[in-house]
PDB file of N, CA and C in Angstrom:
ATOM      1  N   MET A   1      35.472 128.887  88.925  1.00  0.00           N
ATOM      2  CA  MET A   1      35.155 130.284  88.844  1.00  0.00           C
ATOM      3  C   MET A   1      35.907 130.884  87.664  1.00  0.00           C
ATOM      4  N   GLN A   2      35.356 131.927  87.086  1.00  0.00           N
ATOM      5  CA  GLN A   2      35.997 132.600  85.967  1.00  0.00           C
ATOM      6  C   GLN A   2      37.019 133.597  86.488  1.00  0.00           C
ATOM      7  N   VAL A   3      38.211 133.584  85.898  1.00  0.00           N
ATOM      8  CA  VAL A   3      39.265 134.528  86.264  1.00  0.00           C
ATOM      9  C   VAL A   3      39.921 135.039  84.996  1.00  0.00           C
ATOM     10  N   LEU A   4      40.540 136.210  85.104  1.00  0.00           N
ATOM     11  CA  LEU A   4      41.361 136.718  84.017  1.00  0.00           C
ATOM     12  C   LEU A   4      42.782 136.248  84.257  1.00  0.00           C
ATOM     13  N   ASP A   5      43.287 135.457  83.343  1.00  0.00           N
ATOM     14  CA  ASP A   5      44.602 134.850  83.471  1.00  0.00           C
ATOM     15  C   ASP A   5      45.584 135.629  82.604  1.00  0.00           C
ATOM     16  N   ASP A   6      46.748 135.956  83.164  1.00  0.00           N
ATOM     17  CA  ASP A   6      47.796 136.558  82.351  1.00  0.00           C
ATOM     18  C   ASP A   6      49.014 135.658  82.392  1.00  0.00           C
ATOM     19  N   CYS A   7      49.870 135.822  81.373  1.00  0.00           N
ATOM     20  CA  CYS A   7      50.990 134.902  81.230  1.00  0.00           C
ATOM     21  C   CYS A   7      52.161 135.629  80.594  1.00  0.00           C
ATOM     22  N   MET A   8      53.359 135.285  81.016  1.00  0.00           N
ATOM     23  CA  MET A   8      54.554 135.877  80.418  1.00  0.00           C
ATOM     24  C   MET A   8      54.691 135.502  78.941  1.00  0.00           C
ATOM     25  N   SER A   9      54.062 134.417  78.528  1.00  0.00           N
ATOM     26  CA  SER A   9      54.100 134.022  77.116  1.00  0.00           C
ATOM     27  C   SER A   9      53.357 135.020  76.235  1.00  0.00           C
ATOM     28  N   PHE A  10      52.353 135.693  76.811  1.00  0.00           N
ATOM     29  CA  PHE A  10      51.559 136.702  76.108  1.00  0.00           C
ATOM     30  C   PHE A  10      51.457 137.929  77.008  1.00  0.00           C
ATOM     31  N   PRO A  11      52.521 138.748  77.091  1.00  0.00           N
ATOM     32  CA  PRO A  11      52.581 139.815  78.094  1.00  0.00           C
ATOM     33  C   PRO A  11      51.519 140.908  77.971  1.00  0.00           C
ATOM     34  N   HIS A  12      50.892 141.049  76.819  1.00  0.00           N
ATOM     35  CA  HIS A  12      49.912 142.120  76.641  1.00  0.00           C
ATOM     36  C   HIS A  12      48.494 141.577  76.486  1.00  0.00           C
ATOM     37  N   LEU A  13      48.256 140.380  77.022  1.00  0.00           N
ATOM     38  CA  LEU A  13      46.969 139.727  76.836  1.00  0.00           C
ATOM     39  C   LEU A  13      46.449 139.145  78.145  1.00  0.00           C
ATOM     40  N   LEU A  14      45.160 139.352  78.408  1.00  0.00           N
ATOM     41  CA  LEU A  14      44.463 138.684  79.509  1.00  0.00           C
ATOM     42  C   LEU A  14      43.460 137.734  78.879  1.00  0.00           C
ATOM     43  N   VAL A  15      43.300 136.572  79.486  1.00  0.00           N
ATOM     44  CA  VAL A  15      42.394 135.556  78.956  1.00  0.00           C
ATOM     45  C   VAL A  15      41.453 135.104  80.059  1.00  0.00           C
ATOM     46  N   LYS A  16      40.158 135.137  79.776  1.00  0.00           N
ATOM     47  CA  LYS A  16      39.167 134.669  80.744  1.00  0.00           C
ATOM     48  C   LYS A  16      39.110 133.148  80.680  1.00  0.00           C
ATOM     49  N   VAL A  17      39.421 132.492  81.816  1.00  0.00           N
ATOM     50  CA  VAL A  17      39.449 131.030  81.902  1.00  0.00           C
ATOM     51  C   VAL A  17      38.687 130.586  83.158  1.00  0.00           C
ATOM     52  N   MET A  18      38.412 129.312  83.224  1.00  0.00           N
ATOM     53  CA  MET A  18      37.809 128.723  84.423  1.00  0.00           C
ATOM     54  C   MET A  18      38.912 128.102  85.262  1.00  0.00           C
ATOM     55  N   ARG A  19      38.909 128.405  86.553  1.00  0.00           N
ATOM     56  CA  ARG A  19      39.873 127.820  87.489  1.00  0.00           C
ATOM     57  C   ARG A  19      39.133 127.416  88.766  1.00  0.00           C
ATOM     58  N   TYR A  20      39.646 126.412  89.443  1.00  0.00           N
ATOM     59  CA  TYR A  20      39.114 126.022  90.744  1.00  0.00           C
ATOM     60  C   TYR A  20      39.547 127.054  91.781  1.00  0.00           C
ATOM     61  N   GLN A  21      38.715 127.289  92.789  1.00  0.00           N
ATOM     62  CA  GLN A  21      39.048 128.244  93.842  1.00  0.00           C
ATOM     63  C   GLN A  21      40.084 127.697  94.810  1.00  0.00           C
ATOM     64  N   LYS A  22      40.154 126.375  94.908  1.00  0.00           N
ATOM     65  CA  LYS A  22      41.164 125.770  95.774  1.00  0.00           C
ATOM     66  C   LYS A  22      41.651 124.475  95.146  1.00  0.00           C
ATOM     67  N   CYS A  23      42.876 124.107  95.524  1.00  0.00           N
ATOM     68  CA  CYS A  23      43.456 122.866  95.019  1.00  0.00           C
ATOM     69  C   CYS A  23      44.515 122.394  96.010  1.00  0.00           C
ATOM     70  N   SER A  24      44.989 121.188  95.799  1.00  0.00           N
ATOM     71  CA  SER A  24      46.046 120.662  96.664  1.00  0.00           C
ATOM     72  C   SER A  24      47.134 120.056  95.790  1.00  0.00           C
ATOM     73  N   ILE A  25      48.330 120.005  96.353  1.00  0.00           N
ATOM     74  CA  ILE A  25      49.458 119.423  95.641  1.00  0.00           C
ATOM     75  C   ILE A  25      50.262 118.582  96.630  1.00  0.00           C
ATOM     76  N   GLU A  26      50.708 117.429  96.175  1.00  0.00           N
ATOM     77  CA  GLU A  26      51.578 116.576  96.971  1.00  0.00           C
ATOM     78  C   GLU A  26      52.941 116.557  96.294  1.00  0.00           C
ATOM     79  N   TYR A  27      53.984 116.608  97.101  1.00  0.00           N
ATOM     80  CA  TYR A  27      55.337 116.643  96.554  1.00  0.00           C
ATOM     81  C   TYR A  27      56.322 116.078  97.572  1.00  0.00           C
ATOM     82  N   PHE A  28      57.560 115.865  97.120  1.00  0.00           N
ATOM     83  CA  PHE A  28      58.625 115.397  97.993  1.00  0.00           C
ATOM     84  C   PHE A  28      59.657 116.502  98.164  1.00  0.00           C
ATOM     85  N   THR A  29      60.170 116.648  99.376  1.00  0.00           N
ATOM     86  CA  THR A  29      61.238 117.609  99.636  1.00  0.00           C
ATOM     87  C   THR A  29      62.556 117.039  99.115  1.00  0.00           C
ATOM     88  N   MET A  30      63.610 117.829  99.214  1.00  0.00           N
ATOM     89  CA  MET A  30      64.941 117.365  98.787  1.00  0.00           C
ATOM     90  C   MET A  30      65.412 116.193  99.655  1.00  0.00           C
ATOM     91  N   GLN A  31      64.831 116.055 100.858  1.00  0.00           N
ATOM     92  CA  GLN A  31      65.176 114.946 101.752  1.00  0.00           C
ATOM     93  C   GLN A  31      64.189 113.782 101.609  1.00  0.00           C
ATOM     94  N   TRP A  32      63.398 113.804 100.569  1.00  0.00           N
ATOM     95  CA  TRP A  32      62.417 112.769 100.268  1.00  0.00           C
ATOM     96  C   TRP A  32      61.315 112.638 101.311  1.00  0.00           C
ATOM     97  N   GLN A  33      60.971 113.740 101.945  1.00  0.00           N
ATOM     98  CA  GLN A  33      59.817 113.748 102.850  1.00  0.00           C
ATOM     99  C   GLN A  33      58.593 114.144 102.032  1.00  0.00           C
ATOM    100  N   LYS A  34      57.530 113.354 102.185  1.00  0.00           N
ATOM    101  CA  LYS A  34      56.309 113.649 101.449  1.00  0.00           C
ATOM    102  C   LYS A  34      55.563 114.804 102.126  1.00  0.00           C
ATOM    103  N   LYS A  35      55.133 115.774 101.337  1.00  0.00           N
ATOM    104  CA  LYS A  35      54.414 116.943 101.840  1.00  0.00           C
ATOM    105  C   LYS A  35      53.145 117.142 101.031  1.00  0.00           C
ATOM    106  N   LYS A  36      52.204 117.860 101.631  1.00  0.00           N
ATOM    107  CA  LYS A  36      50.969 118.201 100.936  1.00  0.00           C
ATOM    108  C   LYS A  36      50.620 119.646 101.277  1.00  0.00           C
ATOM    109  N   MET A  37      50.238 120.411 100.264  1.00  0.00           N
ATOM    110  CA  MET A  37      49.810 121.800 100.473  1.00  0.00           C
ATOM    111  C   MET A  37      48.393 121.972  99.960  1.00  0.00           C
ATOM    112  N   GLU A  38      47.590 122.684 100.718  1.00  0.00           N
ATOM    113  CA  GLU A  38      46.246 123.066 100.297  1.00  0.00           C
ATOM    114  C   GLU A  38      46.313 124.545  99.925  1.00  0.00           C
ATOM    115  N   LEU A  39      45.949 124.879  98.705  1.00  0.00           N
ATOM    116  CA  LEU A  39      46.068 126.244  98.218  1.00  0.00           C
ATOM    117  C   LEU A  39      44.702 126.825  97.896  1.00  0.00           C
ATOM    118  N   THR A  40      44.551 128.130  98.128  1.00  0.00           N
ATOM    119  CA  THR A  40      43.305 128.831  97.805  1.00  0.00           C
ATOM    120  C   THR A  40      43.642 130.159  97.134  1.00  0.00           C
ATOM    121  N   GLY A  41      42.640 130.751  96.537  1.00  0.00           N
ATOM    122  CA  GLY A  41      42.779 132.091  95.975  1.00  0.00           C
ATOM    123  C   GLY A  41      43.814 132.185  94.865  1.00  0.00           C
ATOM    124  N   ASP A  42      44.572 133.290  94.886  1.00  0.00           N
ATOM    125  CA  ASP A  42      45.546 133.570  93.830  1.00  0.00           C
ATOM    126  C   ASP A  42      46.598 132.478  93.700  1.00  0.00           C
ATOM    127  N   LEU A  43      47.040 131.923  94.814  1.00  0.00           N
ATOM    128  CA  LEU A  43      48.059 130.875  94.765  1.00  0.00           C
ATOM    129  C   LEU A  43      47.524 129.608  94.090  1.00  0.00           C
ATOM    130  N   SER A  44      46.261 129.293  94.335  1.00  0.00           N
ATOM    131  CA  SER A  44      45.630 128.154  93.680  1.00  0.00           C
ATOM    132  C   SER A  44      45.553 128.382  92.170  1.00  0.00           C
ATOM    133  N   GLU A  45      45.155 129.582  91.768  1.00  0.00           N
ATOM    134  CA  GLU A  45      45.080 129.911  90.339  1.00  0.00           C
ATOM    135  C   GLU A  45      46.463 129.811  89.691  1.00  0.00           C
ATOM    136  N   LEU A  46      47.481 130.326  90.369  1.00  0.00           N
ATOM    137  CA  LEU A  46      48.847 130.287  89.843  1.00  0.00           C
ATOM    138  C   LEU A  46      49.324 128.849  89.671  1.00  0.00           C
ATOM    139  N   LEU A  47      49.080 127.995  90.658  1.00  0.00           N
ATOM    140  CA  LEU A  47      49.505 126.604  90.558  1.00  0.00           C
ATOM    141  C   LEU A  47      48.828 125.924  89.366  1.00  0.00           C
ATOM    142  N   GLN A  48      47.539 126.154  89.189  1.00  0.00           N
ATOM    143  CA  GLN A  48      46.822 125.552  88.066  1.00  0.00           C
ATOM    144  C   GLN A  48      47.388 126.047  86.733  1.00  0.00           C
ATOM    145  N   HIS A  49      47.704 127.335  86.668  1.00  0.00           N
ATOM    146  CA  HIS A  49      48.280 127.919  85.459  1.00  0.00           C
ATOM    147  C   HIS A  49      49.622 127.258  85.131  1.00  0.00           C
ATOM    148  N   GLU A  50      50.493 127.158  86.125  1.00  0.00           N
ATOM    149  CA  GLU A  50      51.823 126.583  85.906  1.00  0.00           C
ATOM    150  C   GLU A  50      51.750 125.081  85.629  1.00  0.00           C
ATOM    151  N   TYR A  51      50.833 124.391  86.272  1.00  0.00           N
ATOM    152  CA  TYR A  51      50.650 122.959  86.016  1.00  0.00           C
ATOM    153  C   TYR A  51      50.213 122.740  84.571  1.00  0.00           C
ATOM    154  N   ASP A  52      49.345 123.641  84.070  1.00  0.00           N
ATOM    155  CA  ASP A  52      48.949 123.567  82.663  1.00  0.00           C
ATOM    156  C   ASP A  52      50.179 123.634  81.756  1.00  0.00           C
ATOM    157  N   HIS A  53      51.108 124.535  82.071  1.00  0.00           N
ATOM    158  CA  HIS A  53      52.319 124.657  81.254  1.00  0.00           C
ATOM    159  C   HIS A  53      53.086 123.341  81.209  1.00  0.00           C
ATOM    160  N   LEU A  54      53.139 122.618  82.314  1.00  0.00           N
ATOM    161  CA  LEU A  54      53.837 121.325  82.334  1.00  0.00           C
ATOM    162  C   LEU A  54      53.203 120.333  81.364  1.00  0.00           C
ATOM    163  N   ASP A  55      51.898 120.504  81.121  1.00  0.00           N
ATOM    164  CA  ASP A  55      51.183 119.642  80.174  1.00  0.00           C
ATOM    165  C   ASP A  55      51.108 120.251  78.774  1.00  0.00           C
ATOM    166  N   GLY A  56      51.820 121.373  78.548  1.00  0.00           N
ATOM    167  CA  GLY A  56      51.830 122.004  77.233  1.00  0.00           C
ATOM    168  C   GLY A  56      50.578 122.807  76.925  1.00  0.00           C
ATOM    169  N   ILE A  57      49.840 123.198  77.956  1.00  0.00           N
ATOM    170  CA  ILE A  57      48.595 123.951  77.780  1.00  0.00           C
ATOM    171  C   ILE A  57      48.840 125.420  78.111  1.00  0.00           C
ATOM    172  N   LEU A  58      48.431 126.306  77.212  1.00  0.00           N
ATOM    173  CA  LEU A  58      48.523 127.746  77.433  1.00  0.00           C
ATOM    174  C   LEU A  58      47.155 128.299  77.815  1.00  0.00           C
ATOM    175  N   ALA A  59      47.154 129.449  78.466  1.00  0.00           N
ATOM    176  CA  ALA A  59      45.891 130.078  78.873  1.00  0.00           C
ATOM    177  C   ALA A  59      44.973 130.294  77.675  1.00  0.00           C
ATOM    178  N   THR A  60      45.545 130.620  76.522  1.00  0.00           N
ATOM    179  CA  THR A  60      44.734 130.849  75.326  1.00  0.00           C
ATOM    180  C   THR A  60      43.950 129.599  74.930  1.00  0.00           C
ATOM    181  N   MET A  61      44.481 128.446  75.260  1.00  0.00           N
ATOM    182  CA  MET A  61      43.807 127.184  74.942  1.00  0.00           C
ATOM    183  C   MET A  61      42.670 126.893  75.910  1.00  0.00           C
ATOM    184  N   ARG A  62      42.655 127.565  77.061  1.00  0.00           N
ATOM    185  CA  ARG A  62      41.610 127.381  78.073  1.00  0.00           C
ATOM    186  C   ARG A  62      40.557 128.478  78.022  1.00  0.00           C
ATOM    187  N   ALA A  63      40.638 129.367  77.061  1.00  0.00           N
ATOM    188  CA  ALA A  63      39.684 130.474  76.969  1.00  0.00           C
ATOM    189  C   ALA A  63      38.252 129.950  76.976  1.00  0.00           C
ATOM    190  N   ILE A  64      37.389 130.647  77.698  1.00  0.00           N
ATOM    191  CA  ILE A  64      35.987 130.235  77.814  1.00  0.00           C
ATOM    192  C   ILE A  64      35.289 130.270  76.454  1.00  0.00           C
ATOM    193  N   ASP A  65      35.533 131.319  75.678  1.00  0.00           N
ATOM    194  CA  ASP A  65      34.971 131.445  74.344  1.00  0.00           C
ATOM    195  C   ASP A  65      35.829 132.414  73.541  1.00  0.00           C
ATOM    196  N   ASN A  66      35.420 132.733  72.320  1.00  0.00           N
ATOM    197  CA  ASN A  66      36.250 133.605  71.488  1.00  0.00           C
ATOM    198  C   ASN A  66      36.159 135.080  71.878  1.00  0.00           C
ATOM    199  N   LYS A  67      35.357 135.414  72.889  1.00  0.00           N
ATOM    200  CA  LYS A  67      35.259 136.777  73.390  1.00  0.00           C
ATOM    201  C   LYS A  67      35.991 136.930  74.731  1.00  0.00           C
ATOM    202  N   SER A  68      36.815 135.970  75.090  1.00  0.00           N
ATOM    203  CA  SER A  68      37.472 135.931  76.400  1.00  0.00           C
ATOM    204  C   SER A  68      38.871 136.542  76.397  1.00  0.00           C
ATOM    205  N   PHE A  69      39.202 137.328  75.379  1.00  0.00           N
ATOM    206  CA  PHE A  69      40.528 137.909  75.267  1.00  0.00           C
ATOM    207  C   PHE A  69      40.472 139.421  75.451  1.00  0.00           C
ATOM    208  N   VAL A  70      41.383 139.954  76.272  1.00  0.00           N
ATOM    209  CA  VAL A  70      41.423 141.382  76.552  1.00  0.00           C
ATOM    210  C   VAL A  70      42.870 141.856  76.427  1.00  0.00           C
ATOM    211  N   ALA A  71      43.086 142.917  75.645  1.00  0.00           N
ATOM    212  CA  ALA A  71      44.438 143.489  75.547  1.00  0.00           C
ATOM    213  C   ALA A  71      44.707 144.332  76.779  1.00  0.00           C
ATOM    214  N   LYS A  72      45.945 144.250  77.287  1.00  0.00           N
ATOM    215  CA  LYS A  72      46.337 145.060  78.450  1.00  0.00           C
ATOM    216  C   LYS A  72      46.658 146.463  78.015  1.00  0.00           C
TER     217      LYS A  72
END
């Protein structure tokens, strides 16, 4: 689905990007217990945004087209 993504890297910019409506993440706790979370809505979008940062991807790089930028 298309969403307007904002980022602290570009505080005055919104970028229209495609994000999944839901996602899941698997992780280990500090006690090495394996956990899994199913996320939807805003939390799912946030996780995808932050995961992109881990891969060096910014919202501007995911813009749908060159008209997908909006100043705040």
